[in-house]
Amino acid sequence: MGLNVDWGVVLAFAGGLVLLYILGKIFVKPARFILKFILNGVAGGVLLWLINLIGNQYGFSIVINPITALIAGFLGIPGVILLLLLGPILNI
């Protein structure tokens, strides 16, 4: 009445778990980075649009061109604040 254990199956199962753990570590961090990057870009774009929407009523706007879009996309909300601060200086 002994328990017959196939150690090859146990080792394969353990190896699969280790491989799954390693793949999770490899792919989760870049996915978080990409998600954060996308959310930053969306937040920057929405804020840039809102500033232009509200600012047009007061004669103020930030020109949306490839450079300002990249700054707002890469840096997000801090990028839009940077554009607000540098706008009068650089005439953007």
PDB file of N, CA and C in Angstrom:
ATOM      1  N   MET A   1       0.816  -1.177   0.000  1.00  0.00           N
ATOM      2  CA  MET A   1       0.000   0.000   0.000  1.00  0.00           C
ATOM      3  C   MET A   1       0.866   1.249   0.000  1.00  0.00           C
ATOM      4  N   GLY A   2       1.936   1.204  -0.663  1.00  0.00           N
ATOM      5  CA  GLY A   2       2.786   2.376  -0.717  1.00  0.00           C
ATOM      6  C   GLY A   2       2.289   3.373  -1.752  1.00  0.00           C
ATOM      7  N   LEU A   3       2.704   4.581  -1.562  1.00  0.00           N
ATOM      8  CA  LEU A   3       2.346   5.653  -2.484  1.00  0.00           C
ATOM      9  C   LEU A   3       3.388   5.689  -3.581  1.00  0.00           C
ATOM     10  N   ASN A   4       2.952   5.427  -4.794  1.00  0.00           N
ATOM     11  CA  ASN A   4       3.870   5.443  -5.926  1.00  0.00           C
ATOM     12  C   ASN A   4       3.935   6.858  -6.488  1.00  0.00           C
ATOM     13  N   VAL A   5       5.075   7.479  -6.336  1.00  0.00           N
ATOM     14  CA  VAL A   5       5.268   8.854  -6.794  1.00  0.00           C
ATOM     15  C   VAL A   5       6.219   8.831  -7.969  1.00  0.00           C
ATOM     16  N   ASP A   6       5.794   9.418  -9.038  1.00  0.00           N
ATOM     17  CA  ASP A   6       6.659   9.556 -10.197  1.00  0.00           C
ATOM     18  C   ASP A   6       7.430  10.860 -10.027  1.00  0.00           C
ATOM     19  N   TRP A   7       8.684  10.766  -9.607  1.00  0.00           N
ATOM     20  CA  TRP A   7       9.485  11.944  -9.293  1.00  0.00           C
ATOM     21  C   TRP A   7       9.767  12.784 -10.526  1.00  0.00           C
ATOM     22  N   GLY A   8       9.727  12.178 -11.679  1.00  0.00           N
ATOM     23  CA  GLY A   8       9.912  12.953 -12.909  1.00  0.00           C
ATOM     24  C   GLY A   8       8.768  13.941 -13.107  1.00  0.00           C
ATOM     25  N   VAL A   9       7.541  13.503 -12.792  1.00  0.00           N
ATOM     26  CA  VAL A   9       6.381  14.387 -12.910  1.00  0.00           C
ATOM     27  C   VAL A   9       6.453  15.492 -11.861  1.00  0.00           C
ATOM     28  N   VAL A  10       6.866  15.141 -10.648  1.00  0.00           N
ATOM     29  CA  VAL A  10       6.981  16.148  -9.578  1.00  0.00           C
ATOM     30  C   VAL A  10       8.025  17.194  -9.953  1.00  0.00           C
ATOM     31  N   LEU A  11       9.166  16.757 -10.473  1.00  0.00           N
ATOM     32  CA  LEU A  11      10.209  17.696 -10.876  1.00  0.00           C
ATOM     33  C   LEU A  11       9.765  18.543 -12.066  1.00  0.00           C
ATOM     34  N   ALA A  12       9.041  17.952 -13.004  1.00  0.00           N
ATOM     35  CA  ALA A  12       8.536  18.726 -14.144  1.00  0.00           C
ATOM     36  C   ALA A  12       7.531  19.769 -13.673  1.00  0.00           C
ATOM     37  N   PHE A  13       6.676  19.400 -12.740  1.00  0.00           N
ATOM     38  CA  PHE A  13       5.707  20.340 -12.190  1.00  0.00           C
ATOM     39  C   PHE A  13       6.418  21.487 -11.471  1.00  0.00           C
ATOM     40  N   ALA A  14       7.413  21.159 -10.648  1.00  0.00           N
ATOM     41  CA  ALA A  14       8.166  22.180  -9.925  1.00  0.00           C
ATOM     42  C   ALA A  14       8.926  23.077 -10.911  1.00  0.00           C
ATOM     43  N   GLY A  15       9.504  22.483 -11.940  1.00  0.00           N
ATOM     44  CA  GLY A  15      10.204  23.266 -12.952  1.00  0.00           C
ATOM     45  C   GLY A  15       9.262  24.189 -13.698  1.00  0.00           C
ATOM     46  N   GLY A  16       8.063  23.711 -13.972  1.00  0.00           N
ATOM     47  CA  GLY A  16       7.058  24.546 -14.625  1.00  0.00           C
ATOM     48  C   GLY A  16       6.662  25.722 -13.761  1.00  0.00           C
ATOM     49  N   LEU A  17       6.523  25.489 -12.456  1.00  0.00           N
ATOM     50  CA  LEU A  17       6.191  26.584 -11.542  1.00  0.00           C
ATOM     51  C   LEU A  17       7.305  27.623 -11.482  1.00  0.00           C
ATOM     52  N   VAL A  18       8.539  27.159 -11.449  1.00  0.00           N
ATOM     53  CA  VAL A  18       9.683  28.085 -11.432  1.00  0.00           C
ATOM     54  C   VAL A  18       9.728  28.885 -12.732  1.00  0.00           C
ATOM     55  N   LEU A  19       9.499  28.204 -13.863  1.00  0.00           N
ATOM     56  CA  LEU A  19       9.495  28.889 -15.150  1.00  0.00           C
ATOM     57  C   LEU A  19       8.367  29.909 -15.221  1.00  0.00           C
ATOM     58  N   LEU A  20       7.206  29.571 -14.707  1.00  0.00           N
ATOM     59  CA  LEU A  20       6.083  30.499 -14.675  1.00  0.00           C
ATOM     60  C   LEU A  20       6.400  31.712 -13.806  1.00  0.00           C
ATOM     61  N   TYR A  21       7.063  31.482 -12.672  1.00  0.00           N
ATOM     62  CA  TYR A  21       7.472  32.579 -11.789  1.00  0.00           C
ATOM     63  C   TYR A  21       8.454  33.507 -12.497  1.00  0.00           C
ATOM     64  N   ILE A  22       9.433  32.939 -13.172  1.00  0.00           N
ATOM     65  CA  ILE A  22      10.441  33.740 -13.875  1.00  0.00           C
ATOM     66  C   ILE A  22       9.798  34.536 -15.004  1.00  0.00           C
ATOM     67  N   LEU A  23       8.927  33.910 -15.777  1.00  0.00           N
ATOM     68  CA  LEU A  23       8.243  34.625 -16.864  1.00  0.00           C
ATOM     69  C   LEU A  23       7.368  35.739 -16.315  1.00  0.00           C
ATOM     70  N   GLY A  24       6.729  35.503 -15.182  1.00  0.00           N
ATOM     71  CA  GLY A  24       5.920  36.541 -14.551  1.00  0.00           C
ATOM     72  C   GLY A  24       6.769  37.736 -14.158  1.00  0.00           C
ATOM     73  N   LYS A  25       7.935  37.466 -13.584  1.00  0.00           N
ATOM     74  CA  LYS A  25       8.841  38.550 -13.192  1.00  0.00           C
ATOM     75  C   LYS A  25       9.336  39.326 -14.414  1.00  0.00           C
ATOM     76  N   ILE A  26       9.590  38.617 -15.502  1.00  0.00           N
ATOM     77  CA  ILE A  26      10.120  39.262 -16.702  1.00  0.00           C
ATOM     78  C   ILE A  26       9.072  40.144 -17.361  1.00  0.00           C
ATOM     79  N   PHE A  27       7.827  39.682 -17.432  1.00  0.00           N
ATOM     80  CA  PHE A  27       6.812  40.395 -18.206  1.00  0.00           C
ATOM     81  C   PHE A  27       5.950  41.351 -17.398  1.00  0.00           C
ATOM     82  N   VAL A  28       5.853  41.206 -16.096  1.00  0.00           N
ATOM     83  CA  VAL A  28       4.978  42.067 -15.307  1.00  0.00           C
ATOM     84  C   VAL A  28       5.564  43.465 -15.162  1.00  0.00           C
ATOM     85  N   LYS A  29       6.851  43.583 -14.896  1.00  0.00           N
ATOM     86  CA  LYS A  29       7.452  44.906 -14.728  1.00  0.00           C
ATOM     87  C   LYS A  29       7.387  45.738 -16.004  1.00  0.00           C
ATOM     88  N   PRO A  30       7.736  45.191 -17.175  1.00  0.00           N
ATOM     89  CA  PRO A  30       7.574  46.003 -18.390  1.00  0.00           C
ATOM     90  C   PRO A  30       6.116  46.347 -18.668  1.00  0.00           C
ATOM     91  N   ALA A  31       5.198  45.458 -18.353  1.00  0.00           N
ATOM     92  CA  ALA A  31       3.777  45.750 -18.573  1.00  0.00           C
ATOM     93  C   ALA A  31       3.329  46.900 -17.673  1.00  0.00           C
ATOM     94  N   ARG A  32       3.795  46.921 -16.447  1.00  0.00           N
ATOM     95  CA  ARG A  32       3.469  48.029 -15.545  1.00  0.00           C
ATOM     96  C   ARG A  32       4.050  49.336 -16.063  1.00  0.00           C
ATOM     97  N   PHE A  33       5.274  49.288 -16.574  1.00  0.00           N
ATOM     98  CA  PHE A  33       5.921  50.472 -17.120  1.00  0.00           C
ATOM     99  C   PHE A  33       5.153  50.987 -18.328  1.00  0.00           C
ATOM    100  N   ILE A  34       4.764  50.078 -19.214  1.00  0.00           N
ATOM    101  CA  ILE A  34       4.021  50.480 -20.411  1.00  0.00           C
ATOM    102  C   ILE A  34       2.666  51.049 -20.029  1.00  0.00           C
ATOM    103  N   LEU A  35       1.991  50.420 -19.069  1.00  0.00           N
ATOM    104  CA  LEU A  35       0.689  50.925 -18.623  1.00  0.00           C
ATOM    105  C   LEU A  35       0.828  52.310 -18.001  1.00  0.00           C
ATOM    106  N   LYS A  36       1.870  52.498 -17.186  1.00  0.00           N
ATOM    107  CA  LYS A  36       2.105  53.808 -16.579  1.00  0.00           C
ATOM    108  C   LYS A  36       2.410  54.848 -17.655  1.00  0.00           C
ATOM    109  N   PHE A  37       3.176  54.474 -18.650  1.00  0.00           N
ATOM    110  CA  PHE A  37       3.528  55.365 -19.750  1.00  0.00           C
ATOM    111  C   PHE A  37       2.276  55.765 -20.533  1.00  0.00           C
ATOM    112  N   ILE A  38       1.392  54.813 -20.804  1.00  0.00           N
ATOM    113  CA  ILE A  38       0.154  55.089 -21.536  1.00  0.00           C
ATOM    114  C   ILE A  38      -0.750  56.008 -20.720  1.00  0.00           C
ATOM    115  N   LEU A  39      -0.906  55.718 -19.433  1.00  0.00           N
ATOM    116  CA  LEU A  39      -1.750  56.553 -18.573  1.00  0.00           C
ATOM    117  C   LEU A  39      -1.196  57.965 -18.449  1.00  0.00           C
ATOM    118  N   ASN A  40       0.128  58.081 -18.357  1.00  0.00           N
ATOM    119  CA  ASN A  40       0.774  59.396 -18.315  1.00  0.00           C
ATOM    120  C   ASN A  40       0.473  60.186 -19.580  1.00  0.00           C
ATOM    121  N   GLY A  41       0.595  59.527 -20.721  1.00  0.00           N
ATOM    122  CA  GLY A  41       0.346  60.186 -21.993  1.00  0.00           C
ATOM    123  C   GLY A  41      -1.101  60.627 -22.143  1.00  0.00           C
ATOM    124  N   VAL A  42      -2.029  59.765 -21.732  1.00  0.00           N
ATOM    125  CA  VAL A  42      -3.444  60.112 -21.820  1.00  0.00           C
ATOM    126  C   VAL A  42      -3.760  61.278 -20.889  1.00  0.00           C
ATOM    127  N   ALA A  43      -3.226  61.239 -19.677  1.00  0.00           N
ATOM    128  CA  ALA A  43      -3.469  62.333 -18.725  1.00  0.00           C
ATOM    129  C   ALA A  43      -2.898  63.643 -19.259  1.00  0.00           C
ATOM    130  N   GLY A  44      -1.706  63.604 -19.826  1.00  0.00           N
ATOM    131  CA  GLY A  44      -1.104  64.815 -20.393  1.00  0.00           C
ATOM    132  C   GLY A  44      -1.897  65.346 -21.570  1.00  0.00           C
ATOM    133  N   GLY A  45      -2.347  64.452 -22.443  1.00  0.00           N
ATOM    134  CA  GLY A  45      -3.135  64.877 -23.602  1.00  0.00           C
ATOM    135  C   GLY A  45      -4.476  65.477 -23.210  1.00  0.00           C
ATOM    136  N   VAL A  46      -5.142  64.852 -22.245  1.00  0.00           N
ATOM    137  CA  VAL A  46      -6.435  65.367 -21.783  1.00  0.00           C
ATOM    138  C   VAL A  46      -6.253  66.727 -21.111  1.00  0.00           C
ATOM    139  N   LEU A  47      -5.215  66.848 -20.293  1.00  0.00           N
ATOM    140  CA  LEU A  47      -4.974  68.127 -19.630  1.00  0.00           C
ATOM    141  C   LEU A  47      -4.625  69.219 -20.638  1.00  0.00           C
ATOM    142  N   LEU A  48      -3.843  68.878 -21.647  1.00  0.00           N
ATOM    143  CA  LEU A  48      -3.507  69.846 -22.696  1.00  0.00           C
ATOM    144  C   LEU A  48      -4.767  70.276 -23.438  1.00  0.00           C
ATOM    145  N   TRP A  49      -5.644  69.347 -23.729  1.00  0.00           N
ATOM    146  CA  TRP A  49      -6.904  69.666 -24.401  1.00  0.00           C
ATOM    147  C   TRP A  49      -7.788  70.551 -23.521  1.00  0.00           C
ATOM    148  N   LEU A  50      -7.876  70.215 -22.210  1.00  0.00           N
ATOM    149  CA  LEU A  50      -8.687  71.014 -21.300  1.00  0.00           C
ATOM    150  C   LEU A  50      -8.151  72.438 -21.151  1.00  0.00           C
ATOM    151  N   ILE A  51      -6.848  72.556 -21.086  1.00  0.00           N
ATOM    152  CA  ILE A  51      -6.250  73.889 -20.976  1.00  0.00           C
ATOM    153  C   ILE A  51      -6.579  74.706 -22.210  1.00  0.00           C
ATOM    154  N   ASN A  52      -6.494  74.094 -23.376  1.00  0.00           N
ATOM    155  CA  ASN A  52      -6.839  74.823 -24.595  1.00  0.00           C
ATOM    156  C   ASN A  52      -8.322  75.128 -24.662  1.00  0.00           C
ATOM    157  N   LEU A  53      -9.165  74.227 -24.202  1.00  0.00           N
ATOM    158  CA  LEU A  53     -10.608  74.443 -24.223  1.00  0.00           C
ATOM    159  C   LEU A  53     -11.003  75.608 -23.319  1.00  0.00           C
ATOM    160  N   ILE A  54     -10.474  75.604 -22.108  1.00  0.00           N
ATOM    161  CA  ILE A  54     -10.785  76.667 -21.153  1.00  0.00           C
ATOM    162  C   ILE A  54     -10.005  77.932 -21.467  1.00  0.00           C
ATOM    163  N   GLY A  55      -8.750  77.779 -21.858  1.00  0.00           N
ATOM    164  CA  GLY A  55      -7.894  78.937 -22.133  1.00  0.00           C
ATOM    165  C   GLY A  55      -8.339  79.747 -23.330  1.00  0.00           C
ATOM    166  N   ASN A  56      -8.976  79.113 -24.316  1.00  0.00           N
ATOM    167  CA  ASN A  56      -9.451  79.869 -25.493  1.00  0.00           C
ATOM    168  C   ASN A  56     -10.466  80.925 -25.113  1.00  0.00           C
ATOM    169  N   GLN A  57     -11.215  80.702 -24.053  1.00  0.00           N
ATOM    170  CA  GLN A  57     -12.192  81.692 -23.597  1.00  0.00           C
ATOM    171  C   GLN A  57     -11.500  82.927 -23.022  1.00  0.00           C
ATOM    172  N   TYR A  58     -10.266  82.752 -22.565  1.00  0.00           N
ATOM    173  CA  TYR A  58      -9.524  83.854 -21.949  1.00  0.00           C
ATOM    174  C   TYR A  58      -8.349  84.321 -22.814  1.00  0.00           C
ATOM    175  N   GLY A  59      -8.308  83.871 -24.059  1.00  0.00           N
ATOM    176  CA  GLY A  59      -7.237  84.278 -24.961  1.00  0.00           C
ATOM    177  C   GLY A  59      -5.920  83.582 -24.705  1.00  0.00           C
ATOM    178  N   PHE A  60      -5.961  82.412 -24.097  1.00  0.00           N
ATOM    179  CA  PHE A  60      -4.743  81.679 -23.792  1.00  0.00           C
ATOM    180  C   PHE A  60      -4.858  80.266 -24.349  1.00  0.00           C
ATOM    181  N   SER A  61      -3.809  79.799 -25.000  1.00  0.00           N
ATOM    182  CA  SER A  61      -3.796  78.416 -25.478  1.00  0.00           C
ATOM    183  C   SER A  61      -2.365  77.955 -25.663  1.00  0.00           C
ATOM    184  N   ILE A  62      -2.201  76.680 -25.711  1.00  0.00           N
ATOM    185  CA  ILE A  62      -0.903  76.070 -26.018  1.00  0.00           C
ATOM    186  C   ILE A  62      -1.075  75.397 -27.368  1.00  0.00           C
ATOM    187  N   VAL A  63      -0.240  75.755 -28.309  1.00  0.00           N
ATOM    188  CA  VAL A  63      -0.324  75.175 -29.644  1.00  0.00           C
ATOM    189  C   VAL A  63      -0.024  73.683 -29.545  1.00  0.00           C
ATOM    190  N   ILE A  64      -0.883  72.885 -30.129  1.00  0.00           N
ATOM    191  CA  ILE A  64      -0.646  71.442 -30.139  1.00  0.00           C
ATOM    192  C   ILE A  64       0.042  71.097 -31.450  1.00  0.00           C
ATOM    193  N   ASN A  65       1.318  70.788 -31.347  1.00  0.00           N
ATOM    194  CA  ASN A  65       2.120  70.362 -32.484  1.00  0.00           C
ATOM    195  C   ASN A  65       2.885  69.117 -32.052  1.00  0.00           C
ATOM    196  N   PRO A  66       3.667  68.512 -32.921  1.00  0.00           N
ATOM    197  CA  PRO A  66       4.361  67.284 -32.520  1.00  0.00           C
ATOM    198  C   PRO A  66       5.251  67.442 -31.282  1.00  0.00           C
ATOM    199  N   ILE A  67       5.897  68.585 -31.131  1.00  0.00           N
ATOM    200  CA  ILE A  67       6.789  68.788 -29.988  1.00  0.00           C
ATOM    201  C   ILE A  67       5.999  68.874 -28.684  1.00  0.00           C
ATOM    202  N   THR A  68       4.961  69.705 -28.659  1.00  0.00           N
ATOM    203  CA  THR A  68       4.176  69.837 -27.428  1.00  0.00           C
ATOM    204  C   THR A  68       3.429  68.544 -27.113  1.00  0.00           C
ATOM    205  N   ALA A  69       2.989  67.830 -28.151  1.00  0.00           N
ATOM    206  CA  ALA A  69       2.317  66.551 -27.932  1.00  0.00           C
ATOM    207  C   ALA A  69       3.279  65.525 -27.340  1.00  0.00           C
ATOM    208  N   LEU A  70       4.519  65.507 -27.813  1.00  0.00           N
ATOM    209  CA  LEU A  70       5.513  64.579 -27.266  1.00  0.00           C
ATOM    210  C   LEU A  70       5.849  64.922 -25.815  1.00  0.00           C
ATOM    211  N   ILE A  71       6.002  66.197 -25.530  1.00  0.00           N
ATOM    212  CA  ILE A  71       6.304  66.607 -24.153  1.00  0.00           C
ATOM    213  C   ILE A  71       5.156  66.210 -23.232  1.00  0.00           C
ATOM    214  N   ALA A  72       3.930  66.505 -23.640  1.00  0.00           N
ATOM    215  CA  ALA A  72       2.774  66.148 -22.820  1.00  0.00           C
ATOM    216  C   ALA A  72       2.618  64.639 -22.731  1.00  0.00           C
ATOM    217  N   GLY A  73       2.932  63.917 -23.801  1.00  0.00           N
ATOM    218  CA  GLY A  73       2.796  62.465 -23.804  1.00  0.00           C
ATOM    219  C   GLY A  73       3.838  61.769 -22.954  1.00  0.00           C
ATOM    220  N   PHE A  74       5.086  62.182 -23.071  1.00  0.00           N
ATOM    221  CA  PHE A  74       6.154  61.521 -22.316  1.00  0.00           C
ATOM    222  C   PHE A  74       6.139  61.900 -20.838  1.00  0.00           C
ATOM    223  N   LEU A  75       5.909  63.157 -20.559  1.00  0.00           N
ATOM    224  CA  LEU A  75       6.004  63.617 -19.180  1.00  0.00           C
ATOM    225  C   LEU A  75       4.663  63.679 -18.463  1.00  0.00           C
ATOM    226  N   GLY A  76       3.566  63.627 -19.210  1.00  0.00           N
ATOM    227  CA  GLY A  76       2.245  63.650 -18.587  1.00  0.00           C
ATOM    228  C   GLY A  76       1.918  65.019 -18.021  1.00  0.00           C
ATOM    229  N   ILE A  77       1.319  65.032 -16.852  1.00  0.00           N
ATOM    230  CA  ILE A  77       0.898  66.284 -16.209  1.00  0.00           C
ATOM    231  C   ILE A  77       2.083  67.209 -15.931  1.00  0.00           C
ATOM    232  N   PRO A  78       3.216  66.703 -15.431  1.00  0.00           N
ATOM    233  CA  PRO A  78       4.366  67.609 -15.267  1.00  0.00           C
ATOM    234  C   PRO A  78       4.829  68.223 -16.591  1.00  0.00           C
ATOM    235  N   GLY A  79       4.678  67.500 -17.694  1.00  0.00           N
ATOM    236  CA  GLY A  79       5.039  68.043 -18.999  1.00  0.00           C
ATOM    237  C   GLY A  79       4.135  69.194 -19.408  1.00  0.00           C
ATOM    238  N   VAL A  80       2.847  69.077 -19.103  1.00  0.00           N
ATOM    239  CA  VAL A  80       1.913  70.156 -19.422  1.00  0.00           C
ATOM    240  C   VAL A  80       2.223  71.375 -18.553  1.00  0.00           C
ATOM    241  N   ILE A  81       2.552  71.149 -17.300  1.00  0.00           N
ATOM    242  CA  ILE A  81       2.941  72.267 -16.424  1.00  0.00           C
ATOM    243  C   ILE A  81       4.204  72.931 -16.965  1.00  0.00           C
ATOM    244  N   LEU A  82       5.142  72.133 -17.437  1.00  0.00           N
ATOM    245  CA  LEU A  82       6.352  72.677 -18.055  1.00  0.00           C
ATOM    246  C   LEU A  82       6.004  73.516 -19.274  1.00  0.00           C
ATOM    247  N   LEU A  83       5.068  73.032 -20.089  1.00  0.00           N
ATOM    248  CA  LEU A  83       4.641  73.812 -21.256  1.00  0.00           C
ATOM    249  C   LEU A  83       3.970  75.116 -20.839  1.00  0.00           C
ATOM    250  N   LEU A  84       3.202  75.068 -19.766  1.00  0.00           N
ATOM    251  CA  LEU A  84       2.563  76.289 -19.272  1.00  0.00           C
ATOM    252  C   LEU A  84       3.598  77.315 -18.817  1.00  0.00           C
ATOM    253  N   LEU A  85       4.635  76.823 -18.142  1.00  0.00           N
ATOM    254  CA  LEU A  85       5.658  77.731 -17.636  1.00  0.00           C
ATOM    255  C   LEU A  85       6.566  78.259 -18.748  1.00  0.00           C
ATOM    256  N   LEU A  86       6.893  77.390 -19.709  1.00  0.00           N
ATOM    257  CA  LEU A  86       7.800  77.805 -20.774  1.00  0.00           C
ATOM    258  C   LEU A  86       7.084  78.425 -21.960  1.00  0.00           C
ATOM    259  N   GLY A  87       5.766  78.301 -22.022  1.00  0.00           N
ATOM    260  CA  GLY A  87       4.994  78.832 -23.143  1.00  0.00           C
ATOM    261  C   GLY A  87       5.241  80.292 -23.429  1.00  0.00           C
ATOM    262  N   PRO A  88       5.110  81.165 -22.427  1.00  0.00           N
ATOM    263  CA  PRO A  88       5.356  82.592 -22.688  1.00  0.00           C
ATOM    264  C   PRO A  88       6.808  82.885 -23.087  1.00  0.00           C
ATOM    265  N   ILE A  89       7.734  82.115 -22.580  1.00  0.00           N
ATOM    266  CA  ILE A  89       9.143  82.359 -22.874  1.00  0.00           C
ATOM    267  C   ILE A  89       9.472  81.916 -24.297  1.00  0.00           C
ATOM    268  N   LEU A  90       8.962  80.764 -24.702  1.00  0.00           N
ATOM    269  CA  LEU A  90       9.294  80.197 -26.018  1.00  0.00           C
ATOM    270  C   LEU A  90       8.262  80.517 -27.098  1.00  0.00           C
ATOM    271  N   ASN A  91       7.214  81.231 -26.731  1.00  0.00           N
ATOM    272  CA  ASN A  91       6.121  81.562 -27.658  1.00  0.00           C
ATOM    273  C   ASN A  91       5.503  80.316 -28.289  1.00  0.00           C
ATOM    274  N   ILE A  92       5.139  79.367 -27.448  1.00  0.00           N
ATOM    275  CA  ILE A  92       4.438  78.183 -27.954  1.00  0.00           C
ATOM    276  C   ILE A  92       2.981  78.226 -27.558  1.00  0.00           C
TER     277      ILE A  92
END
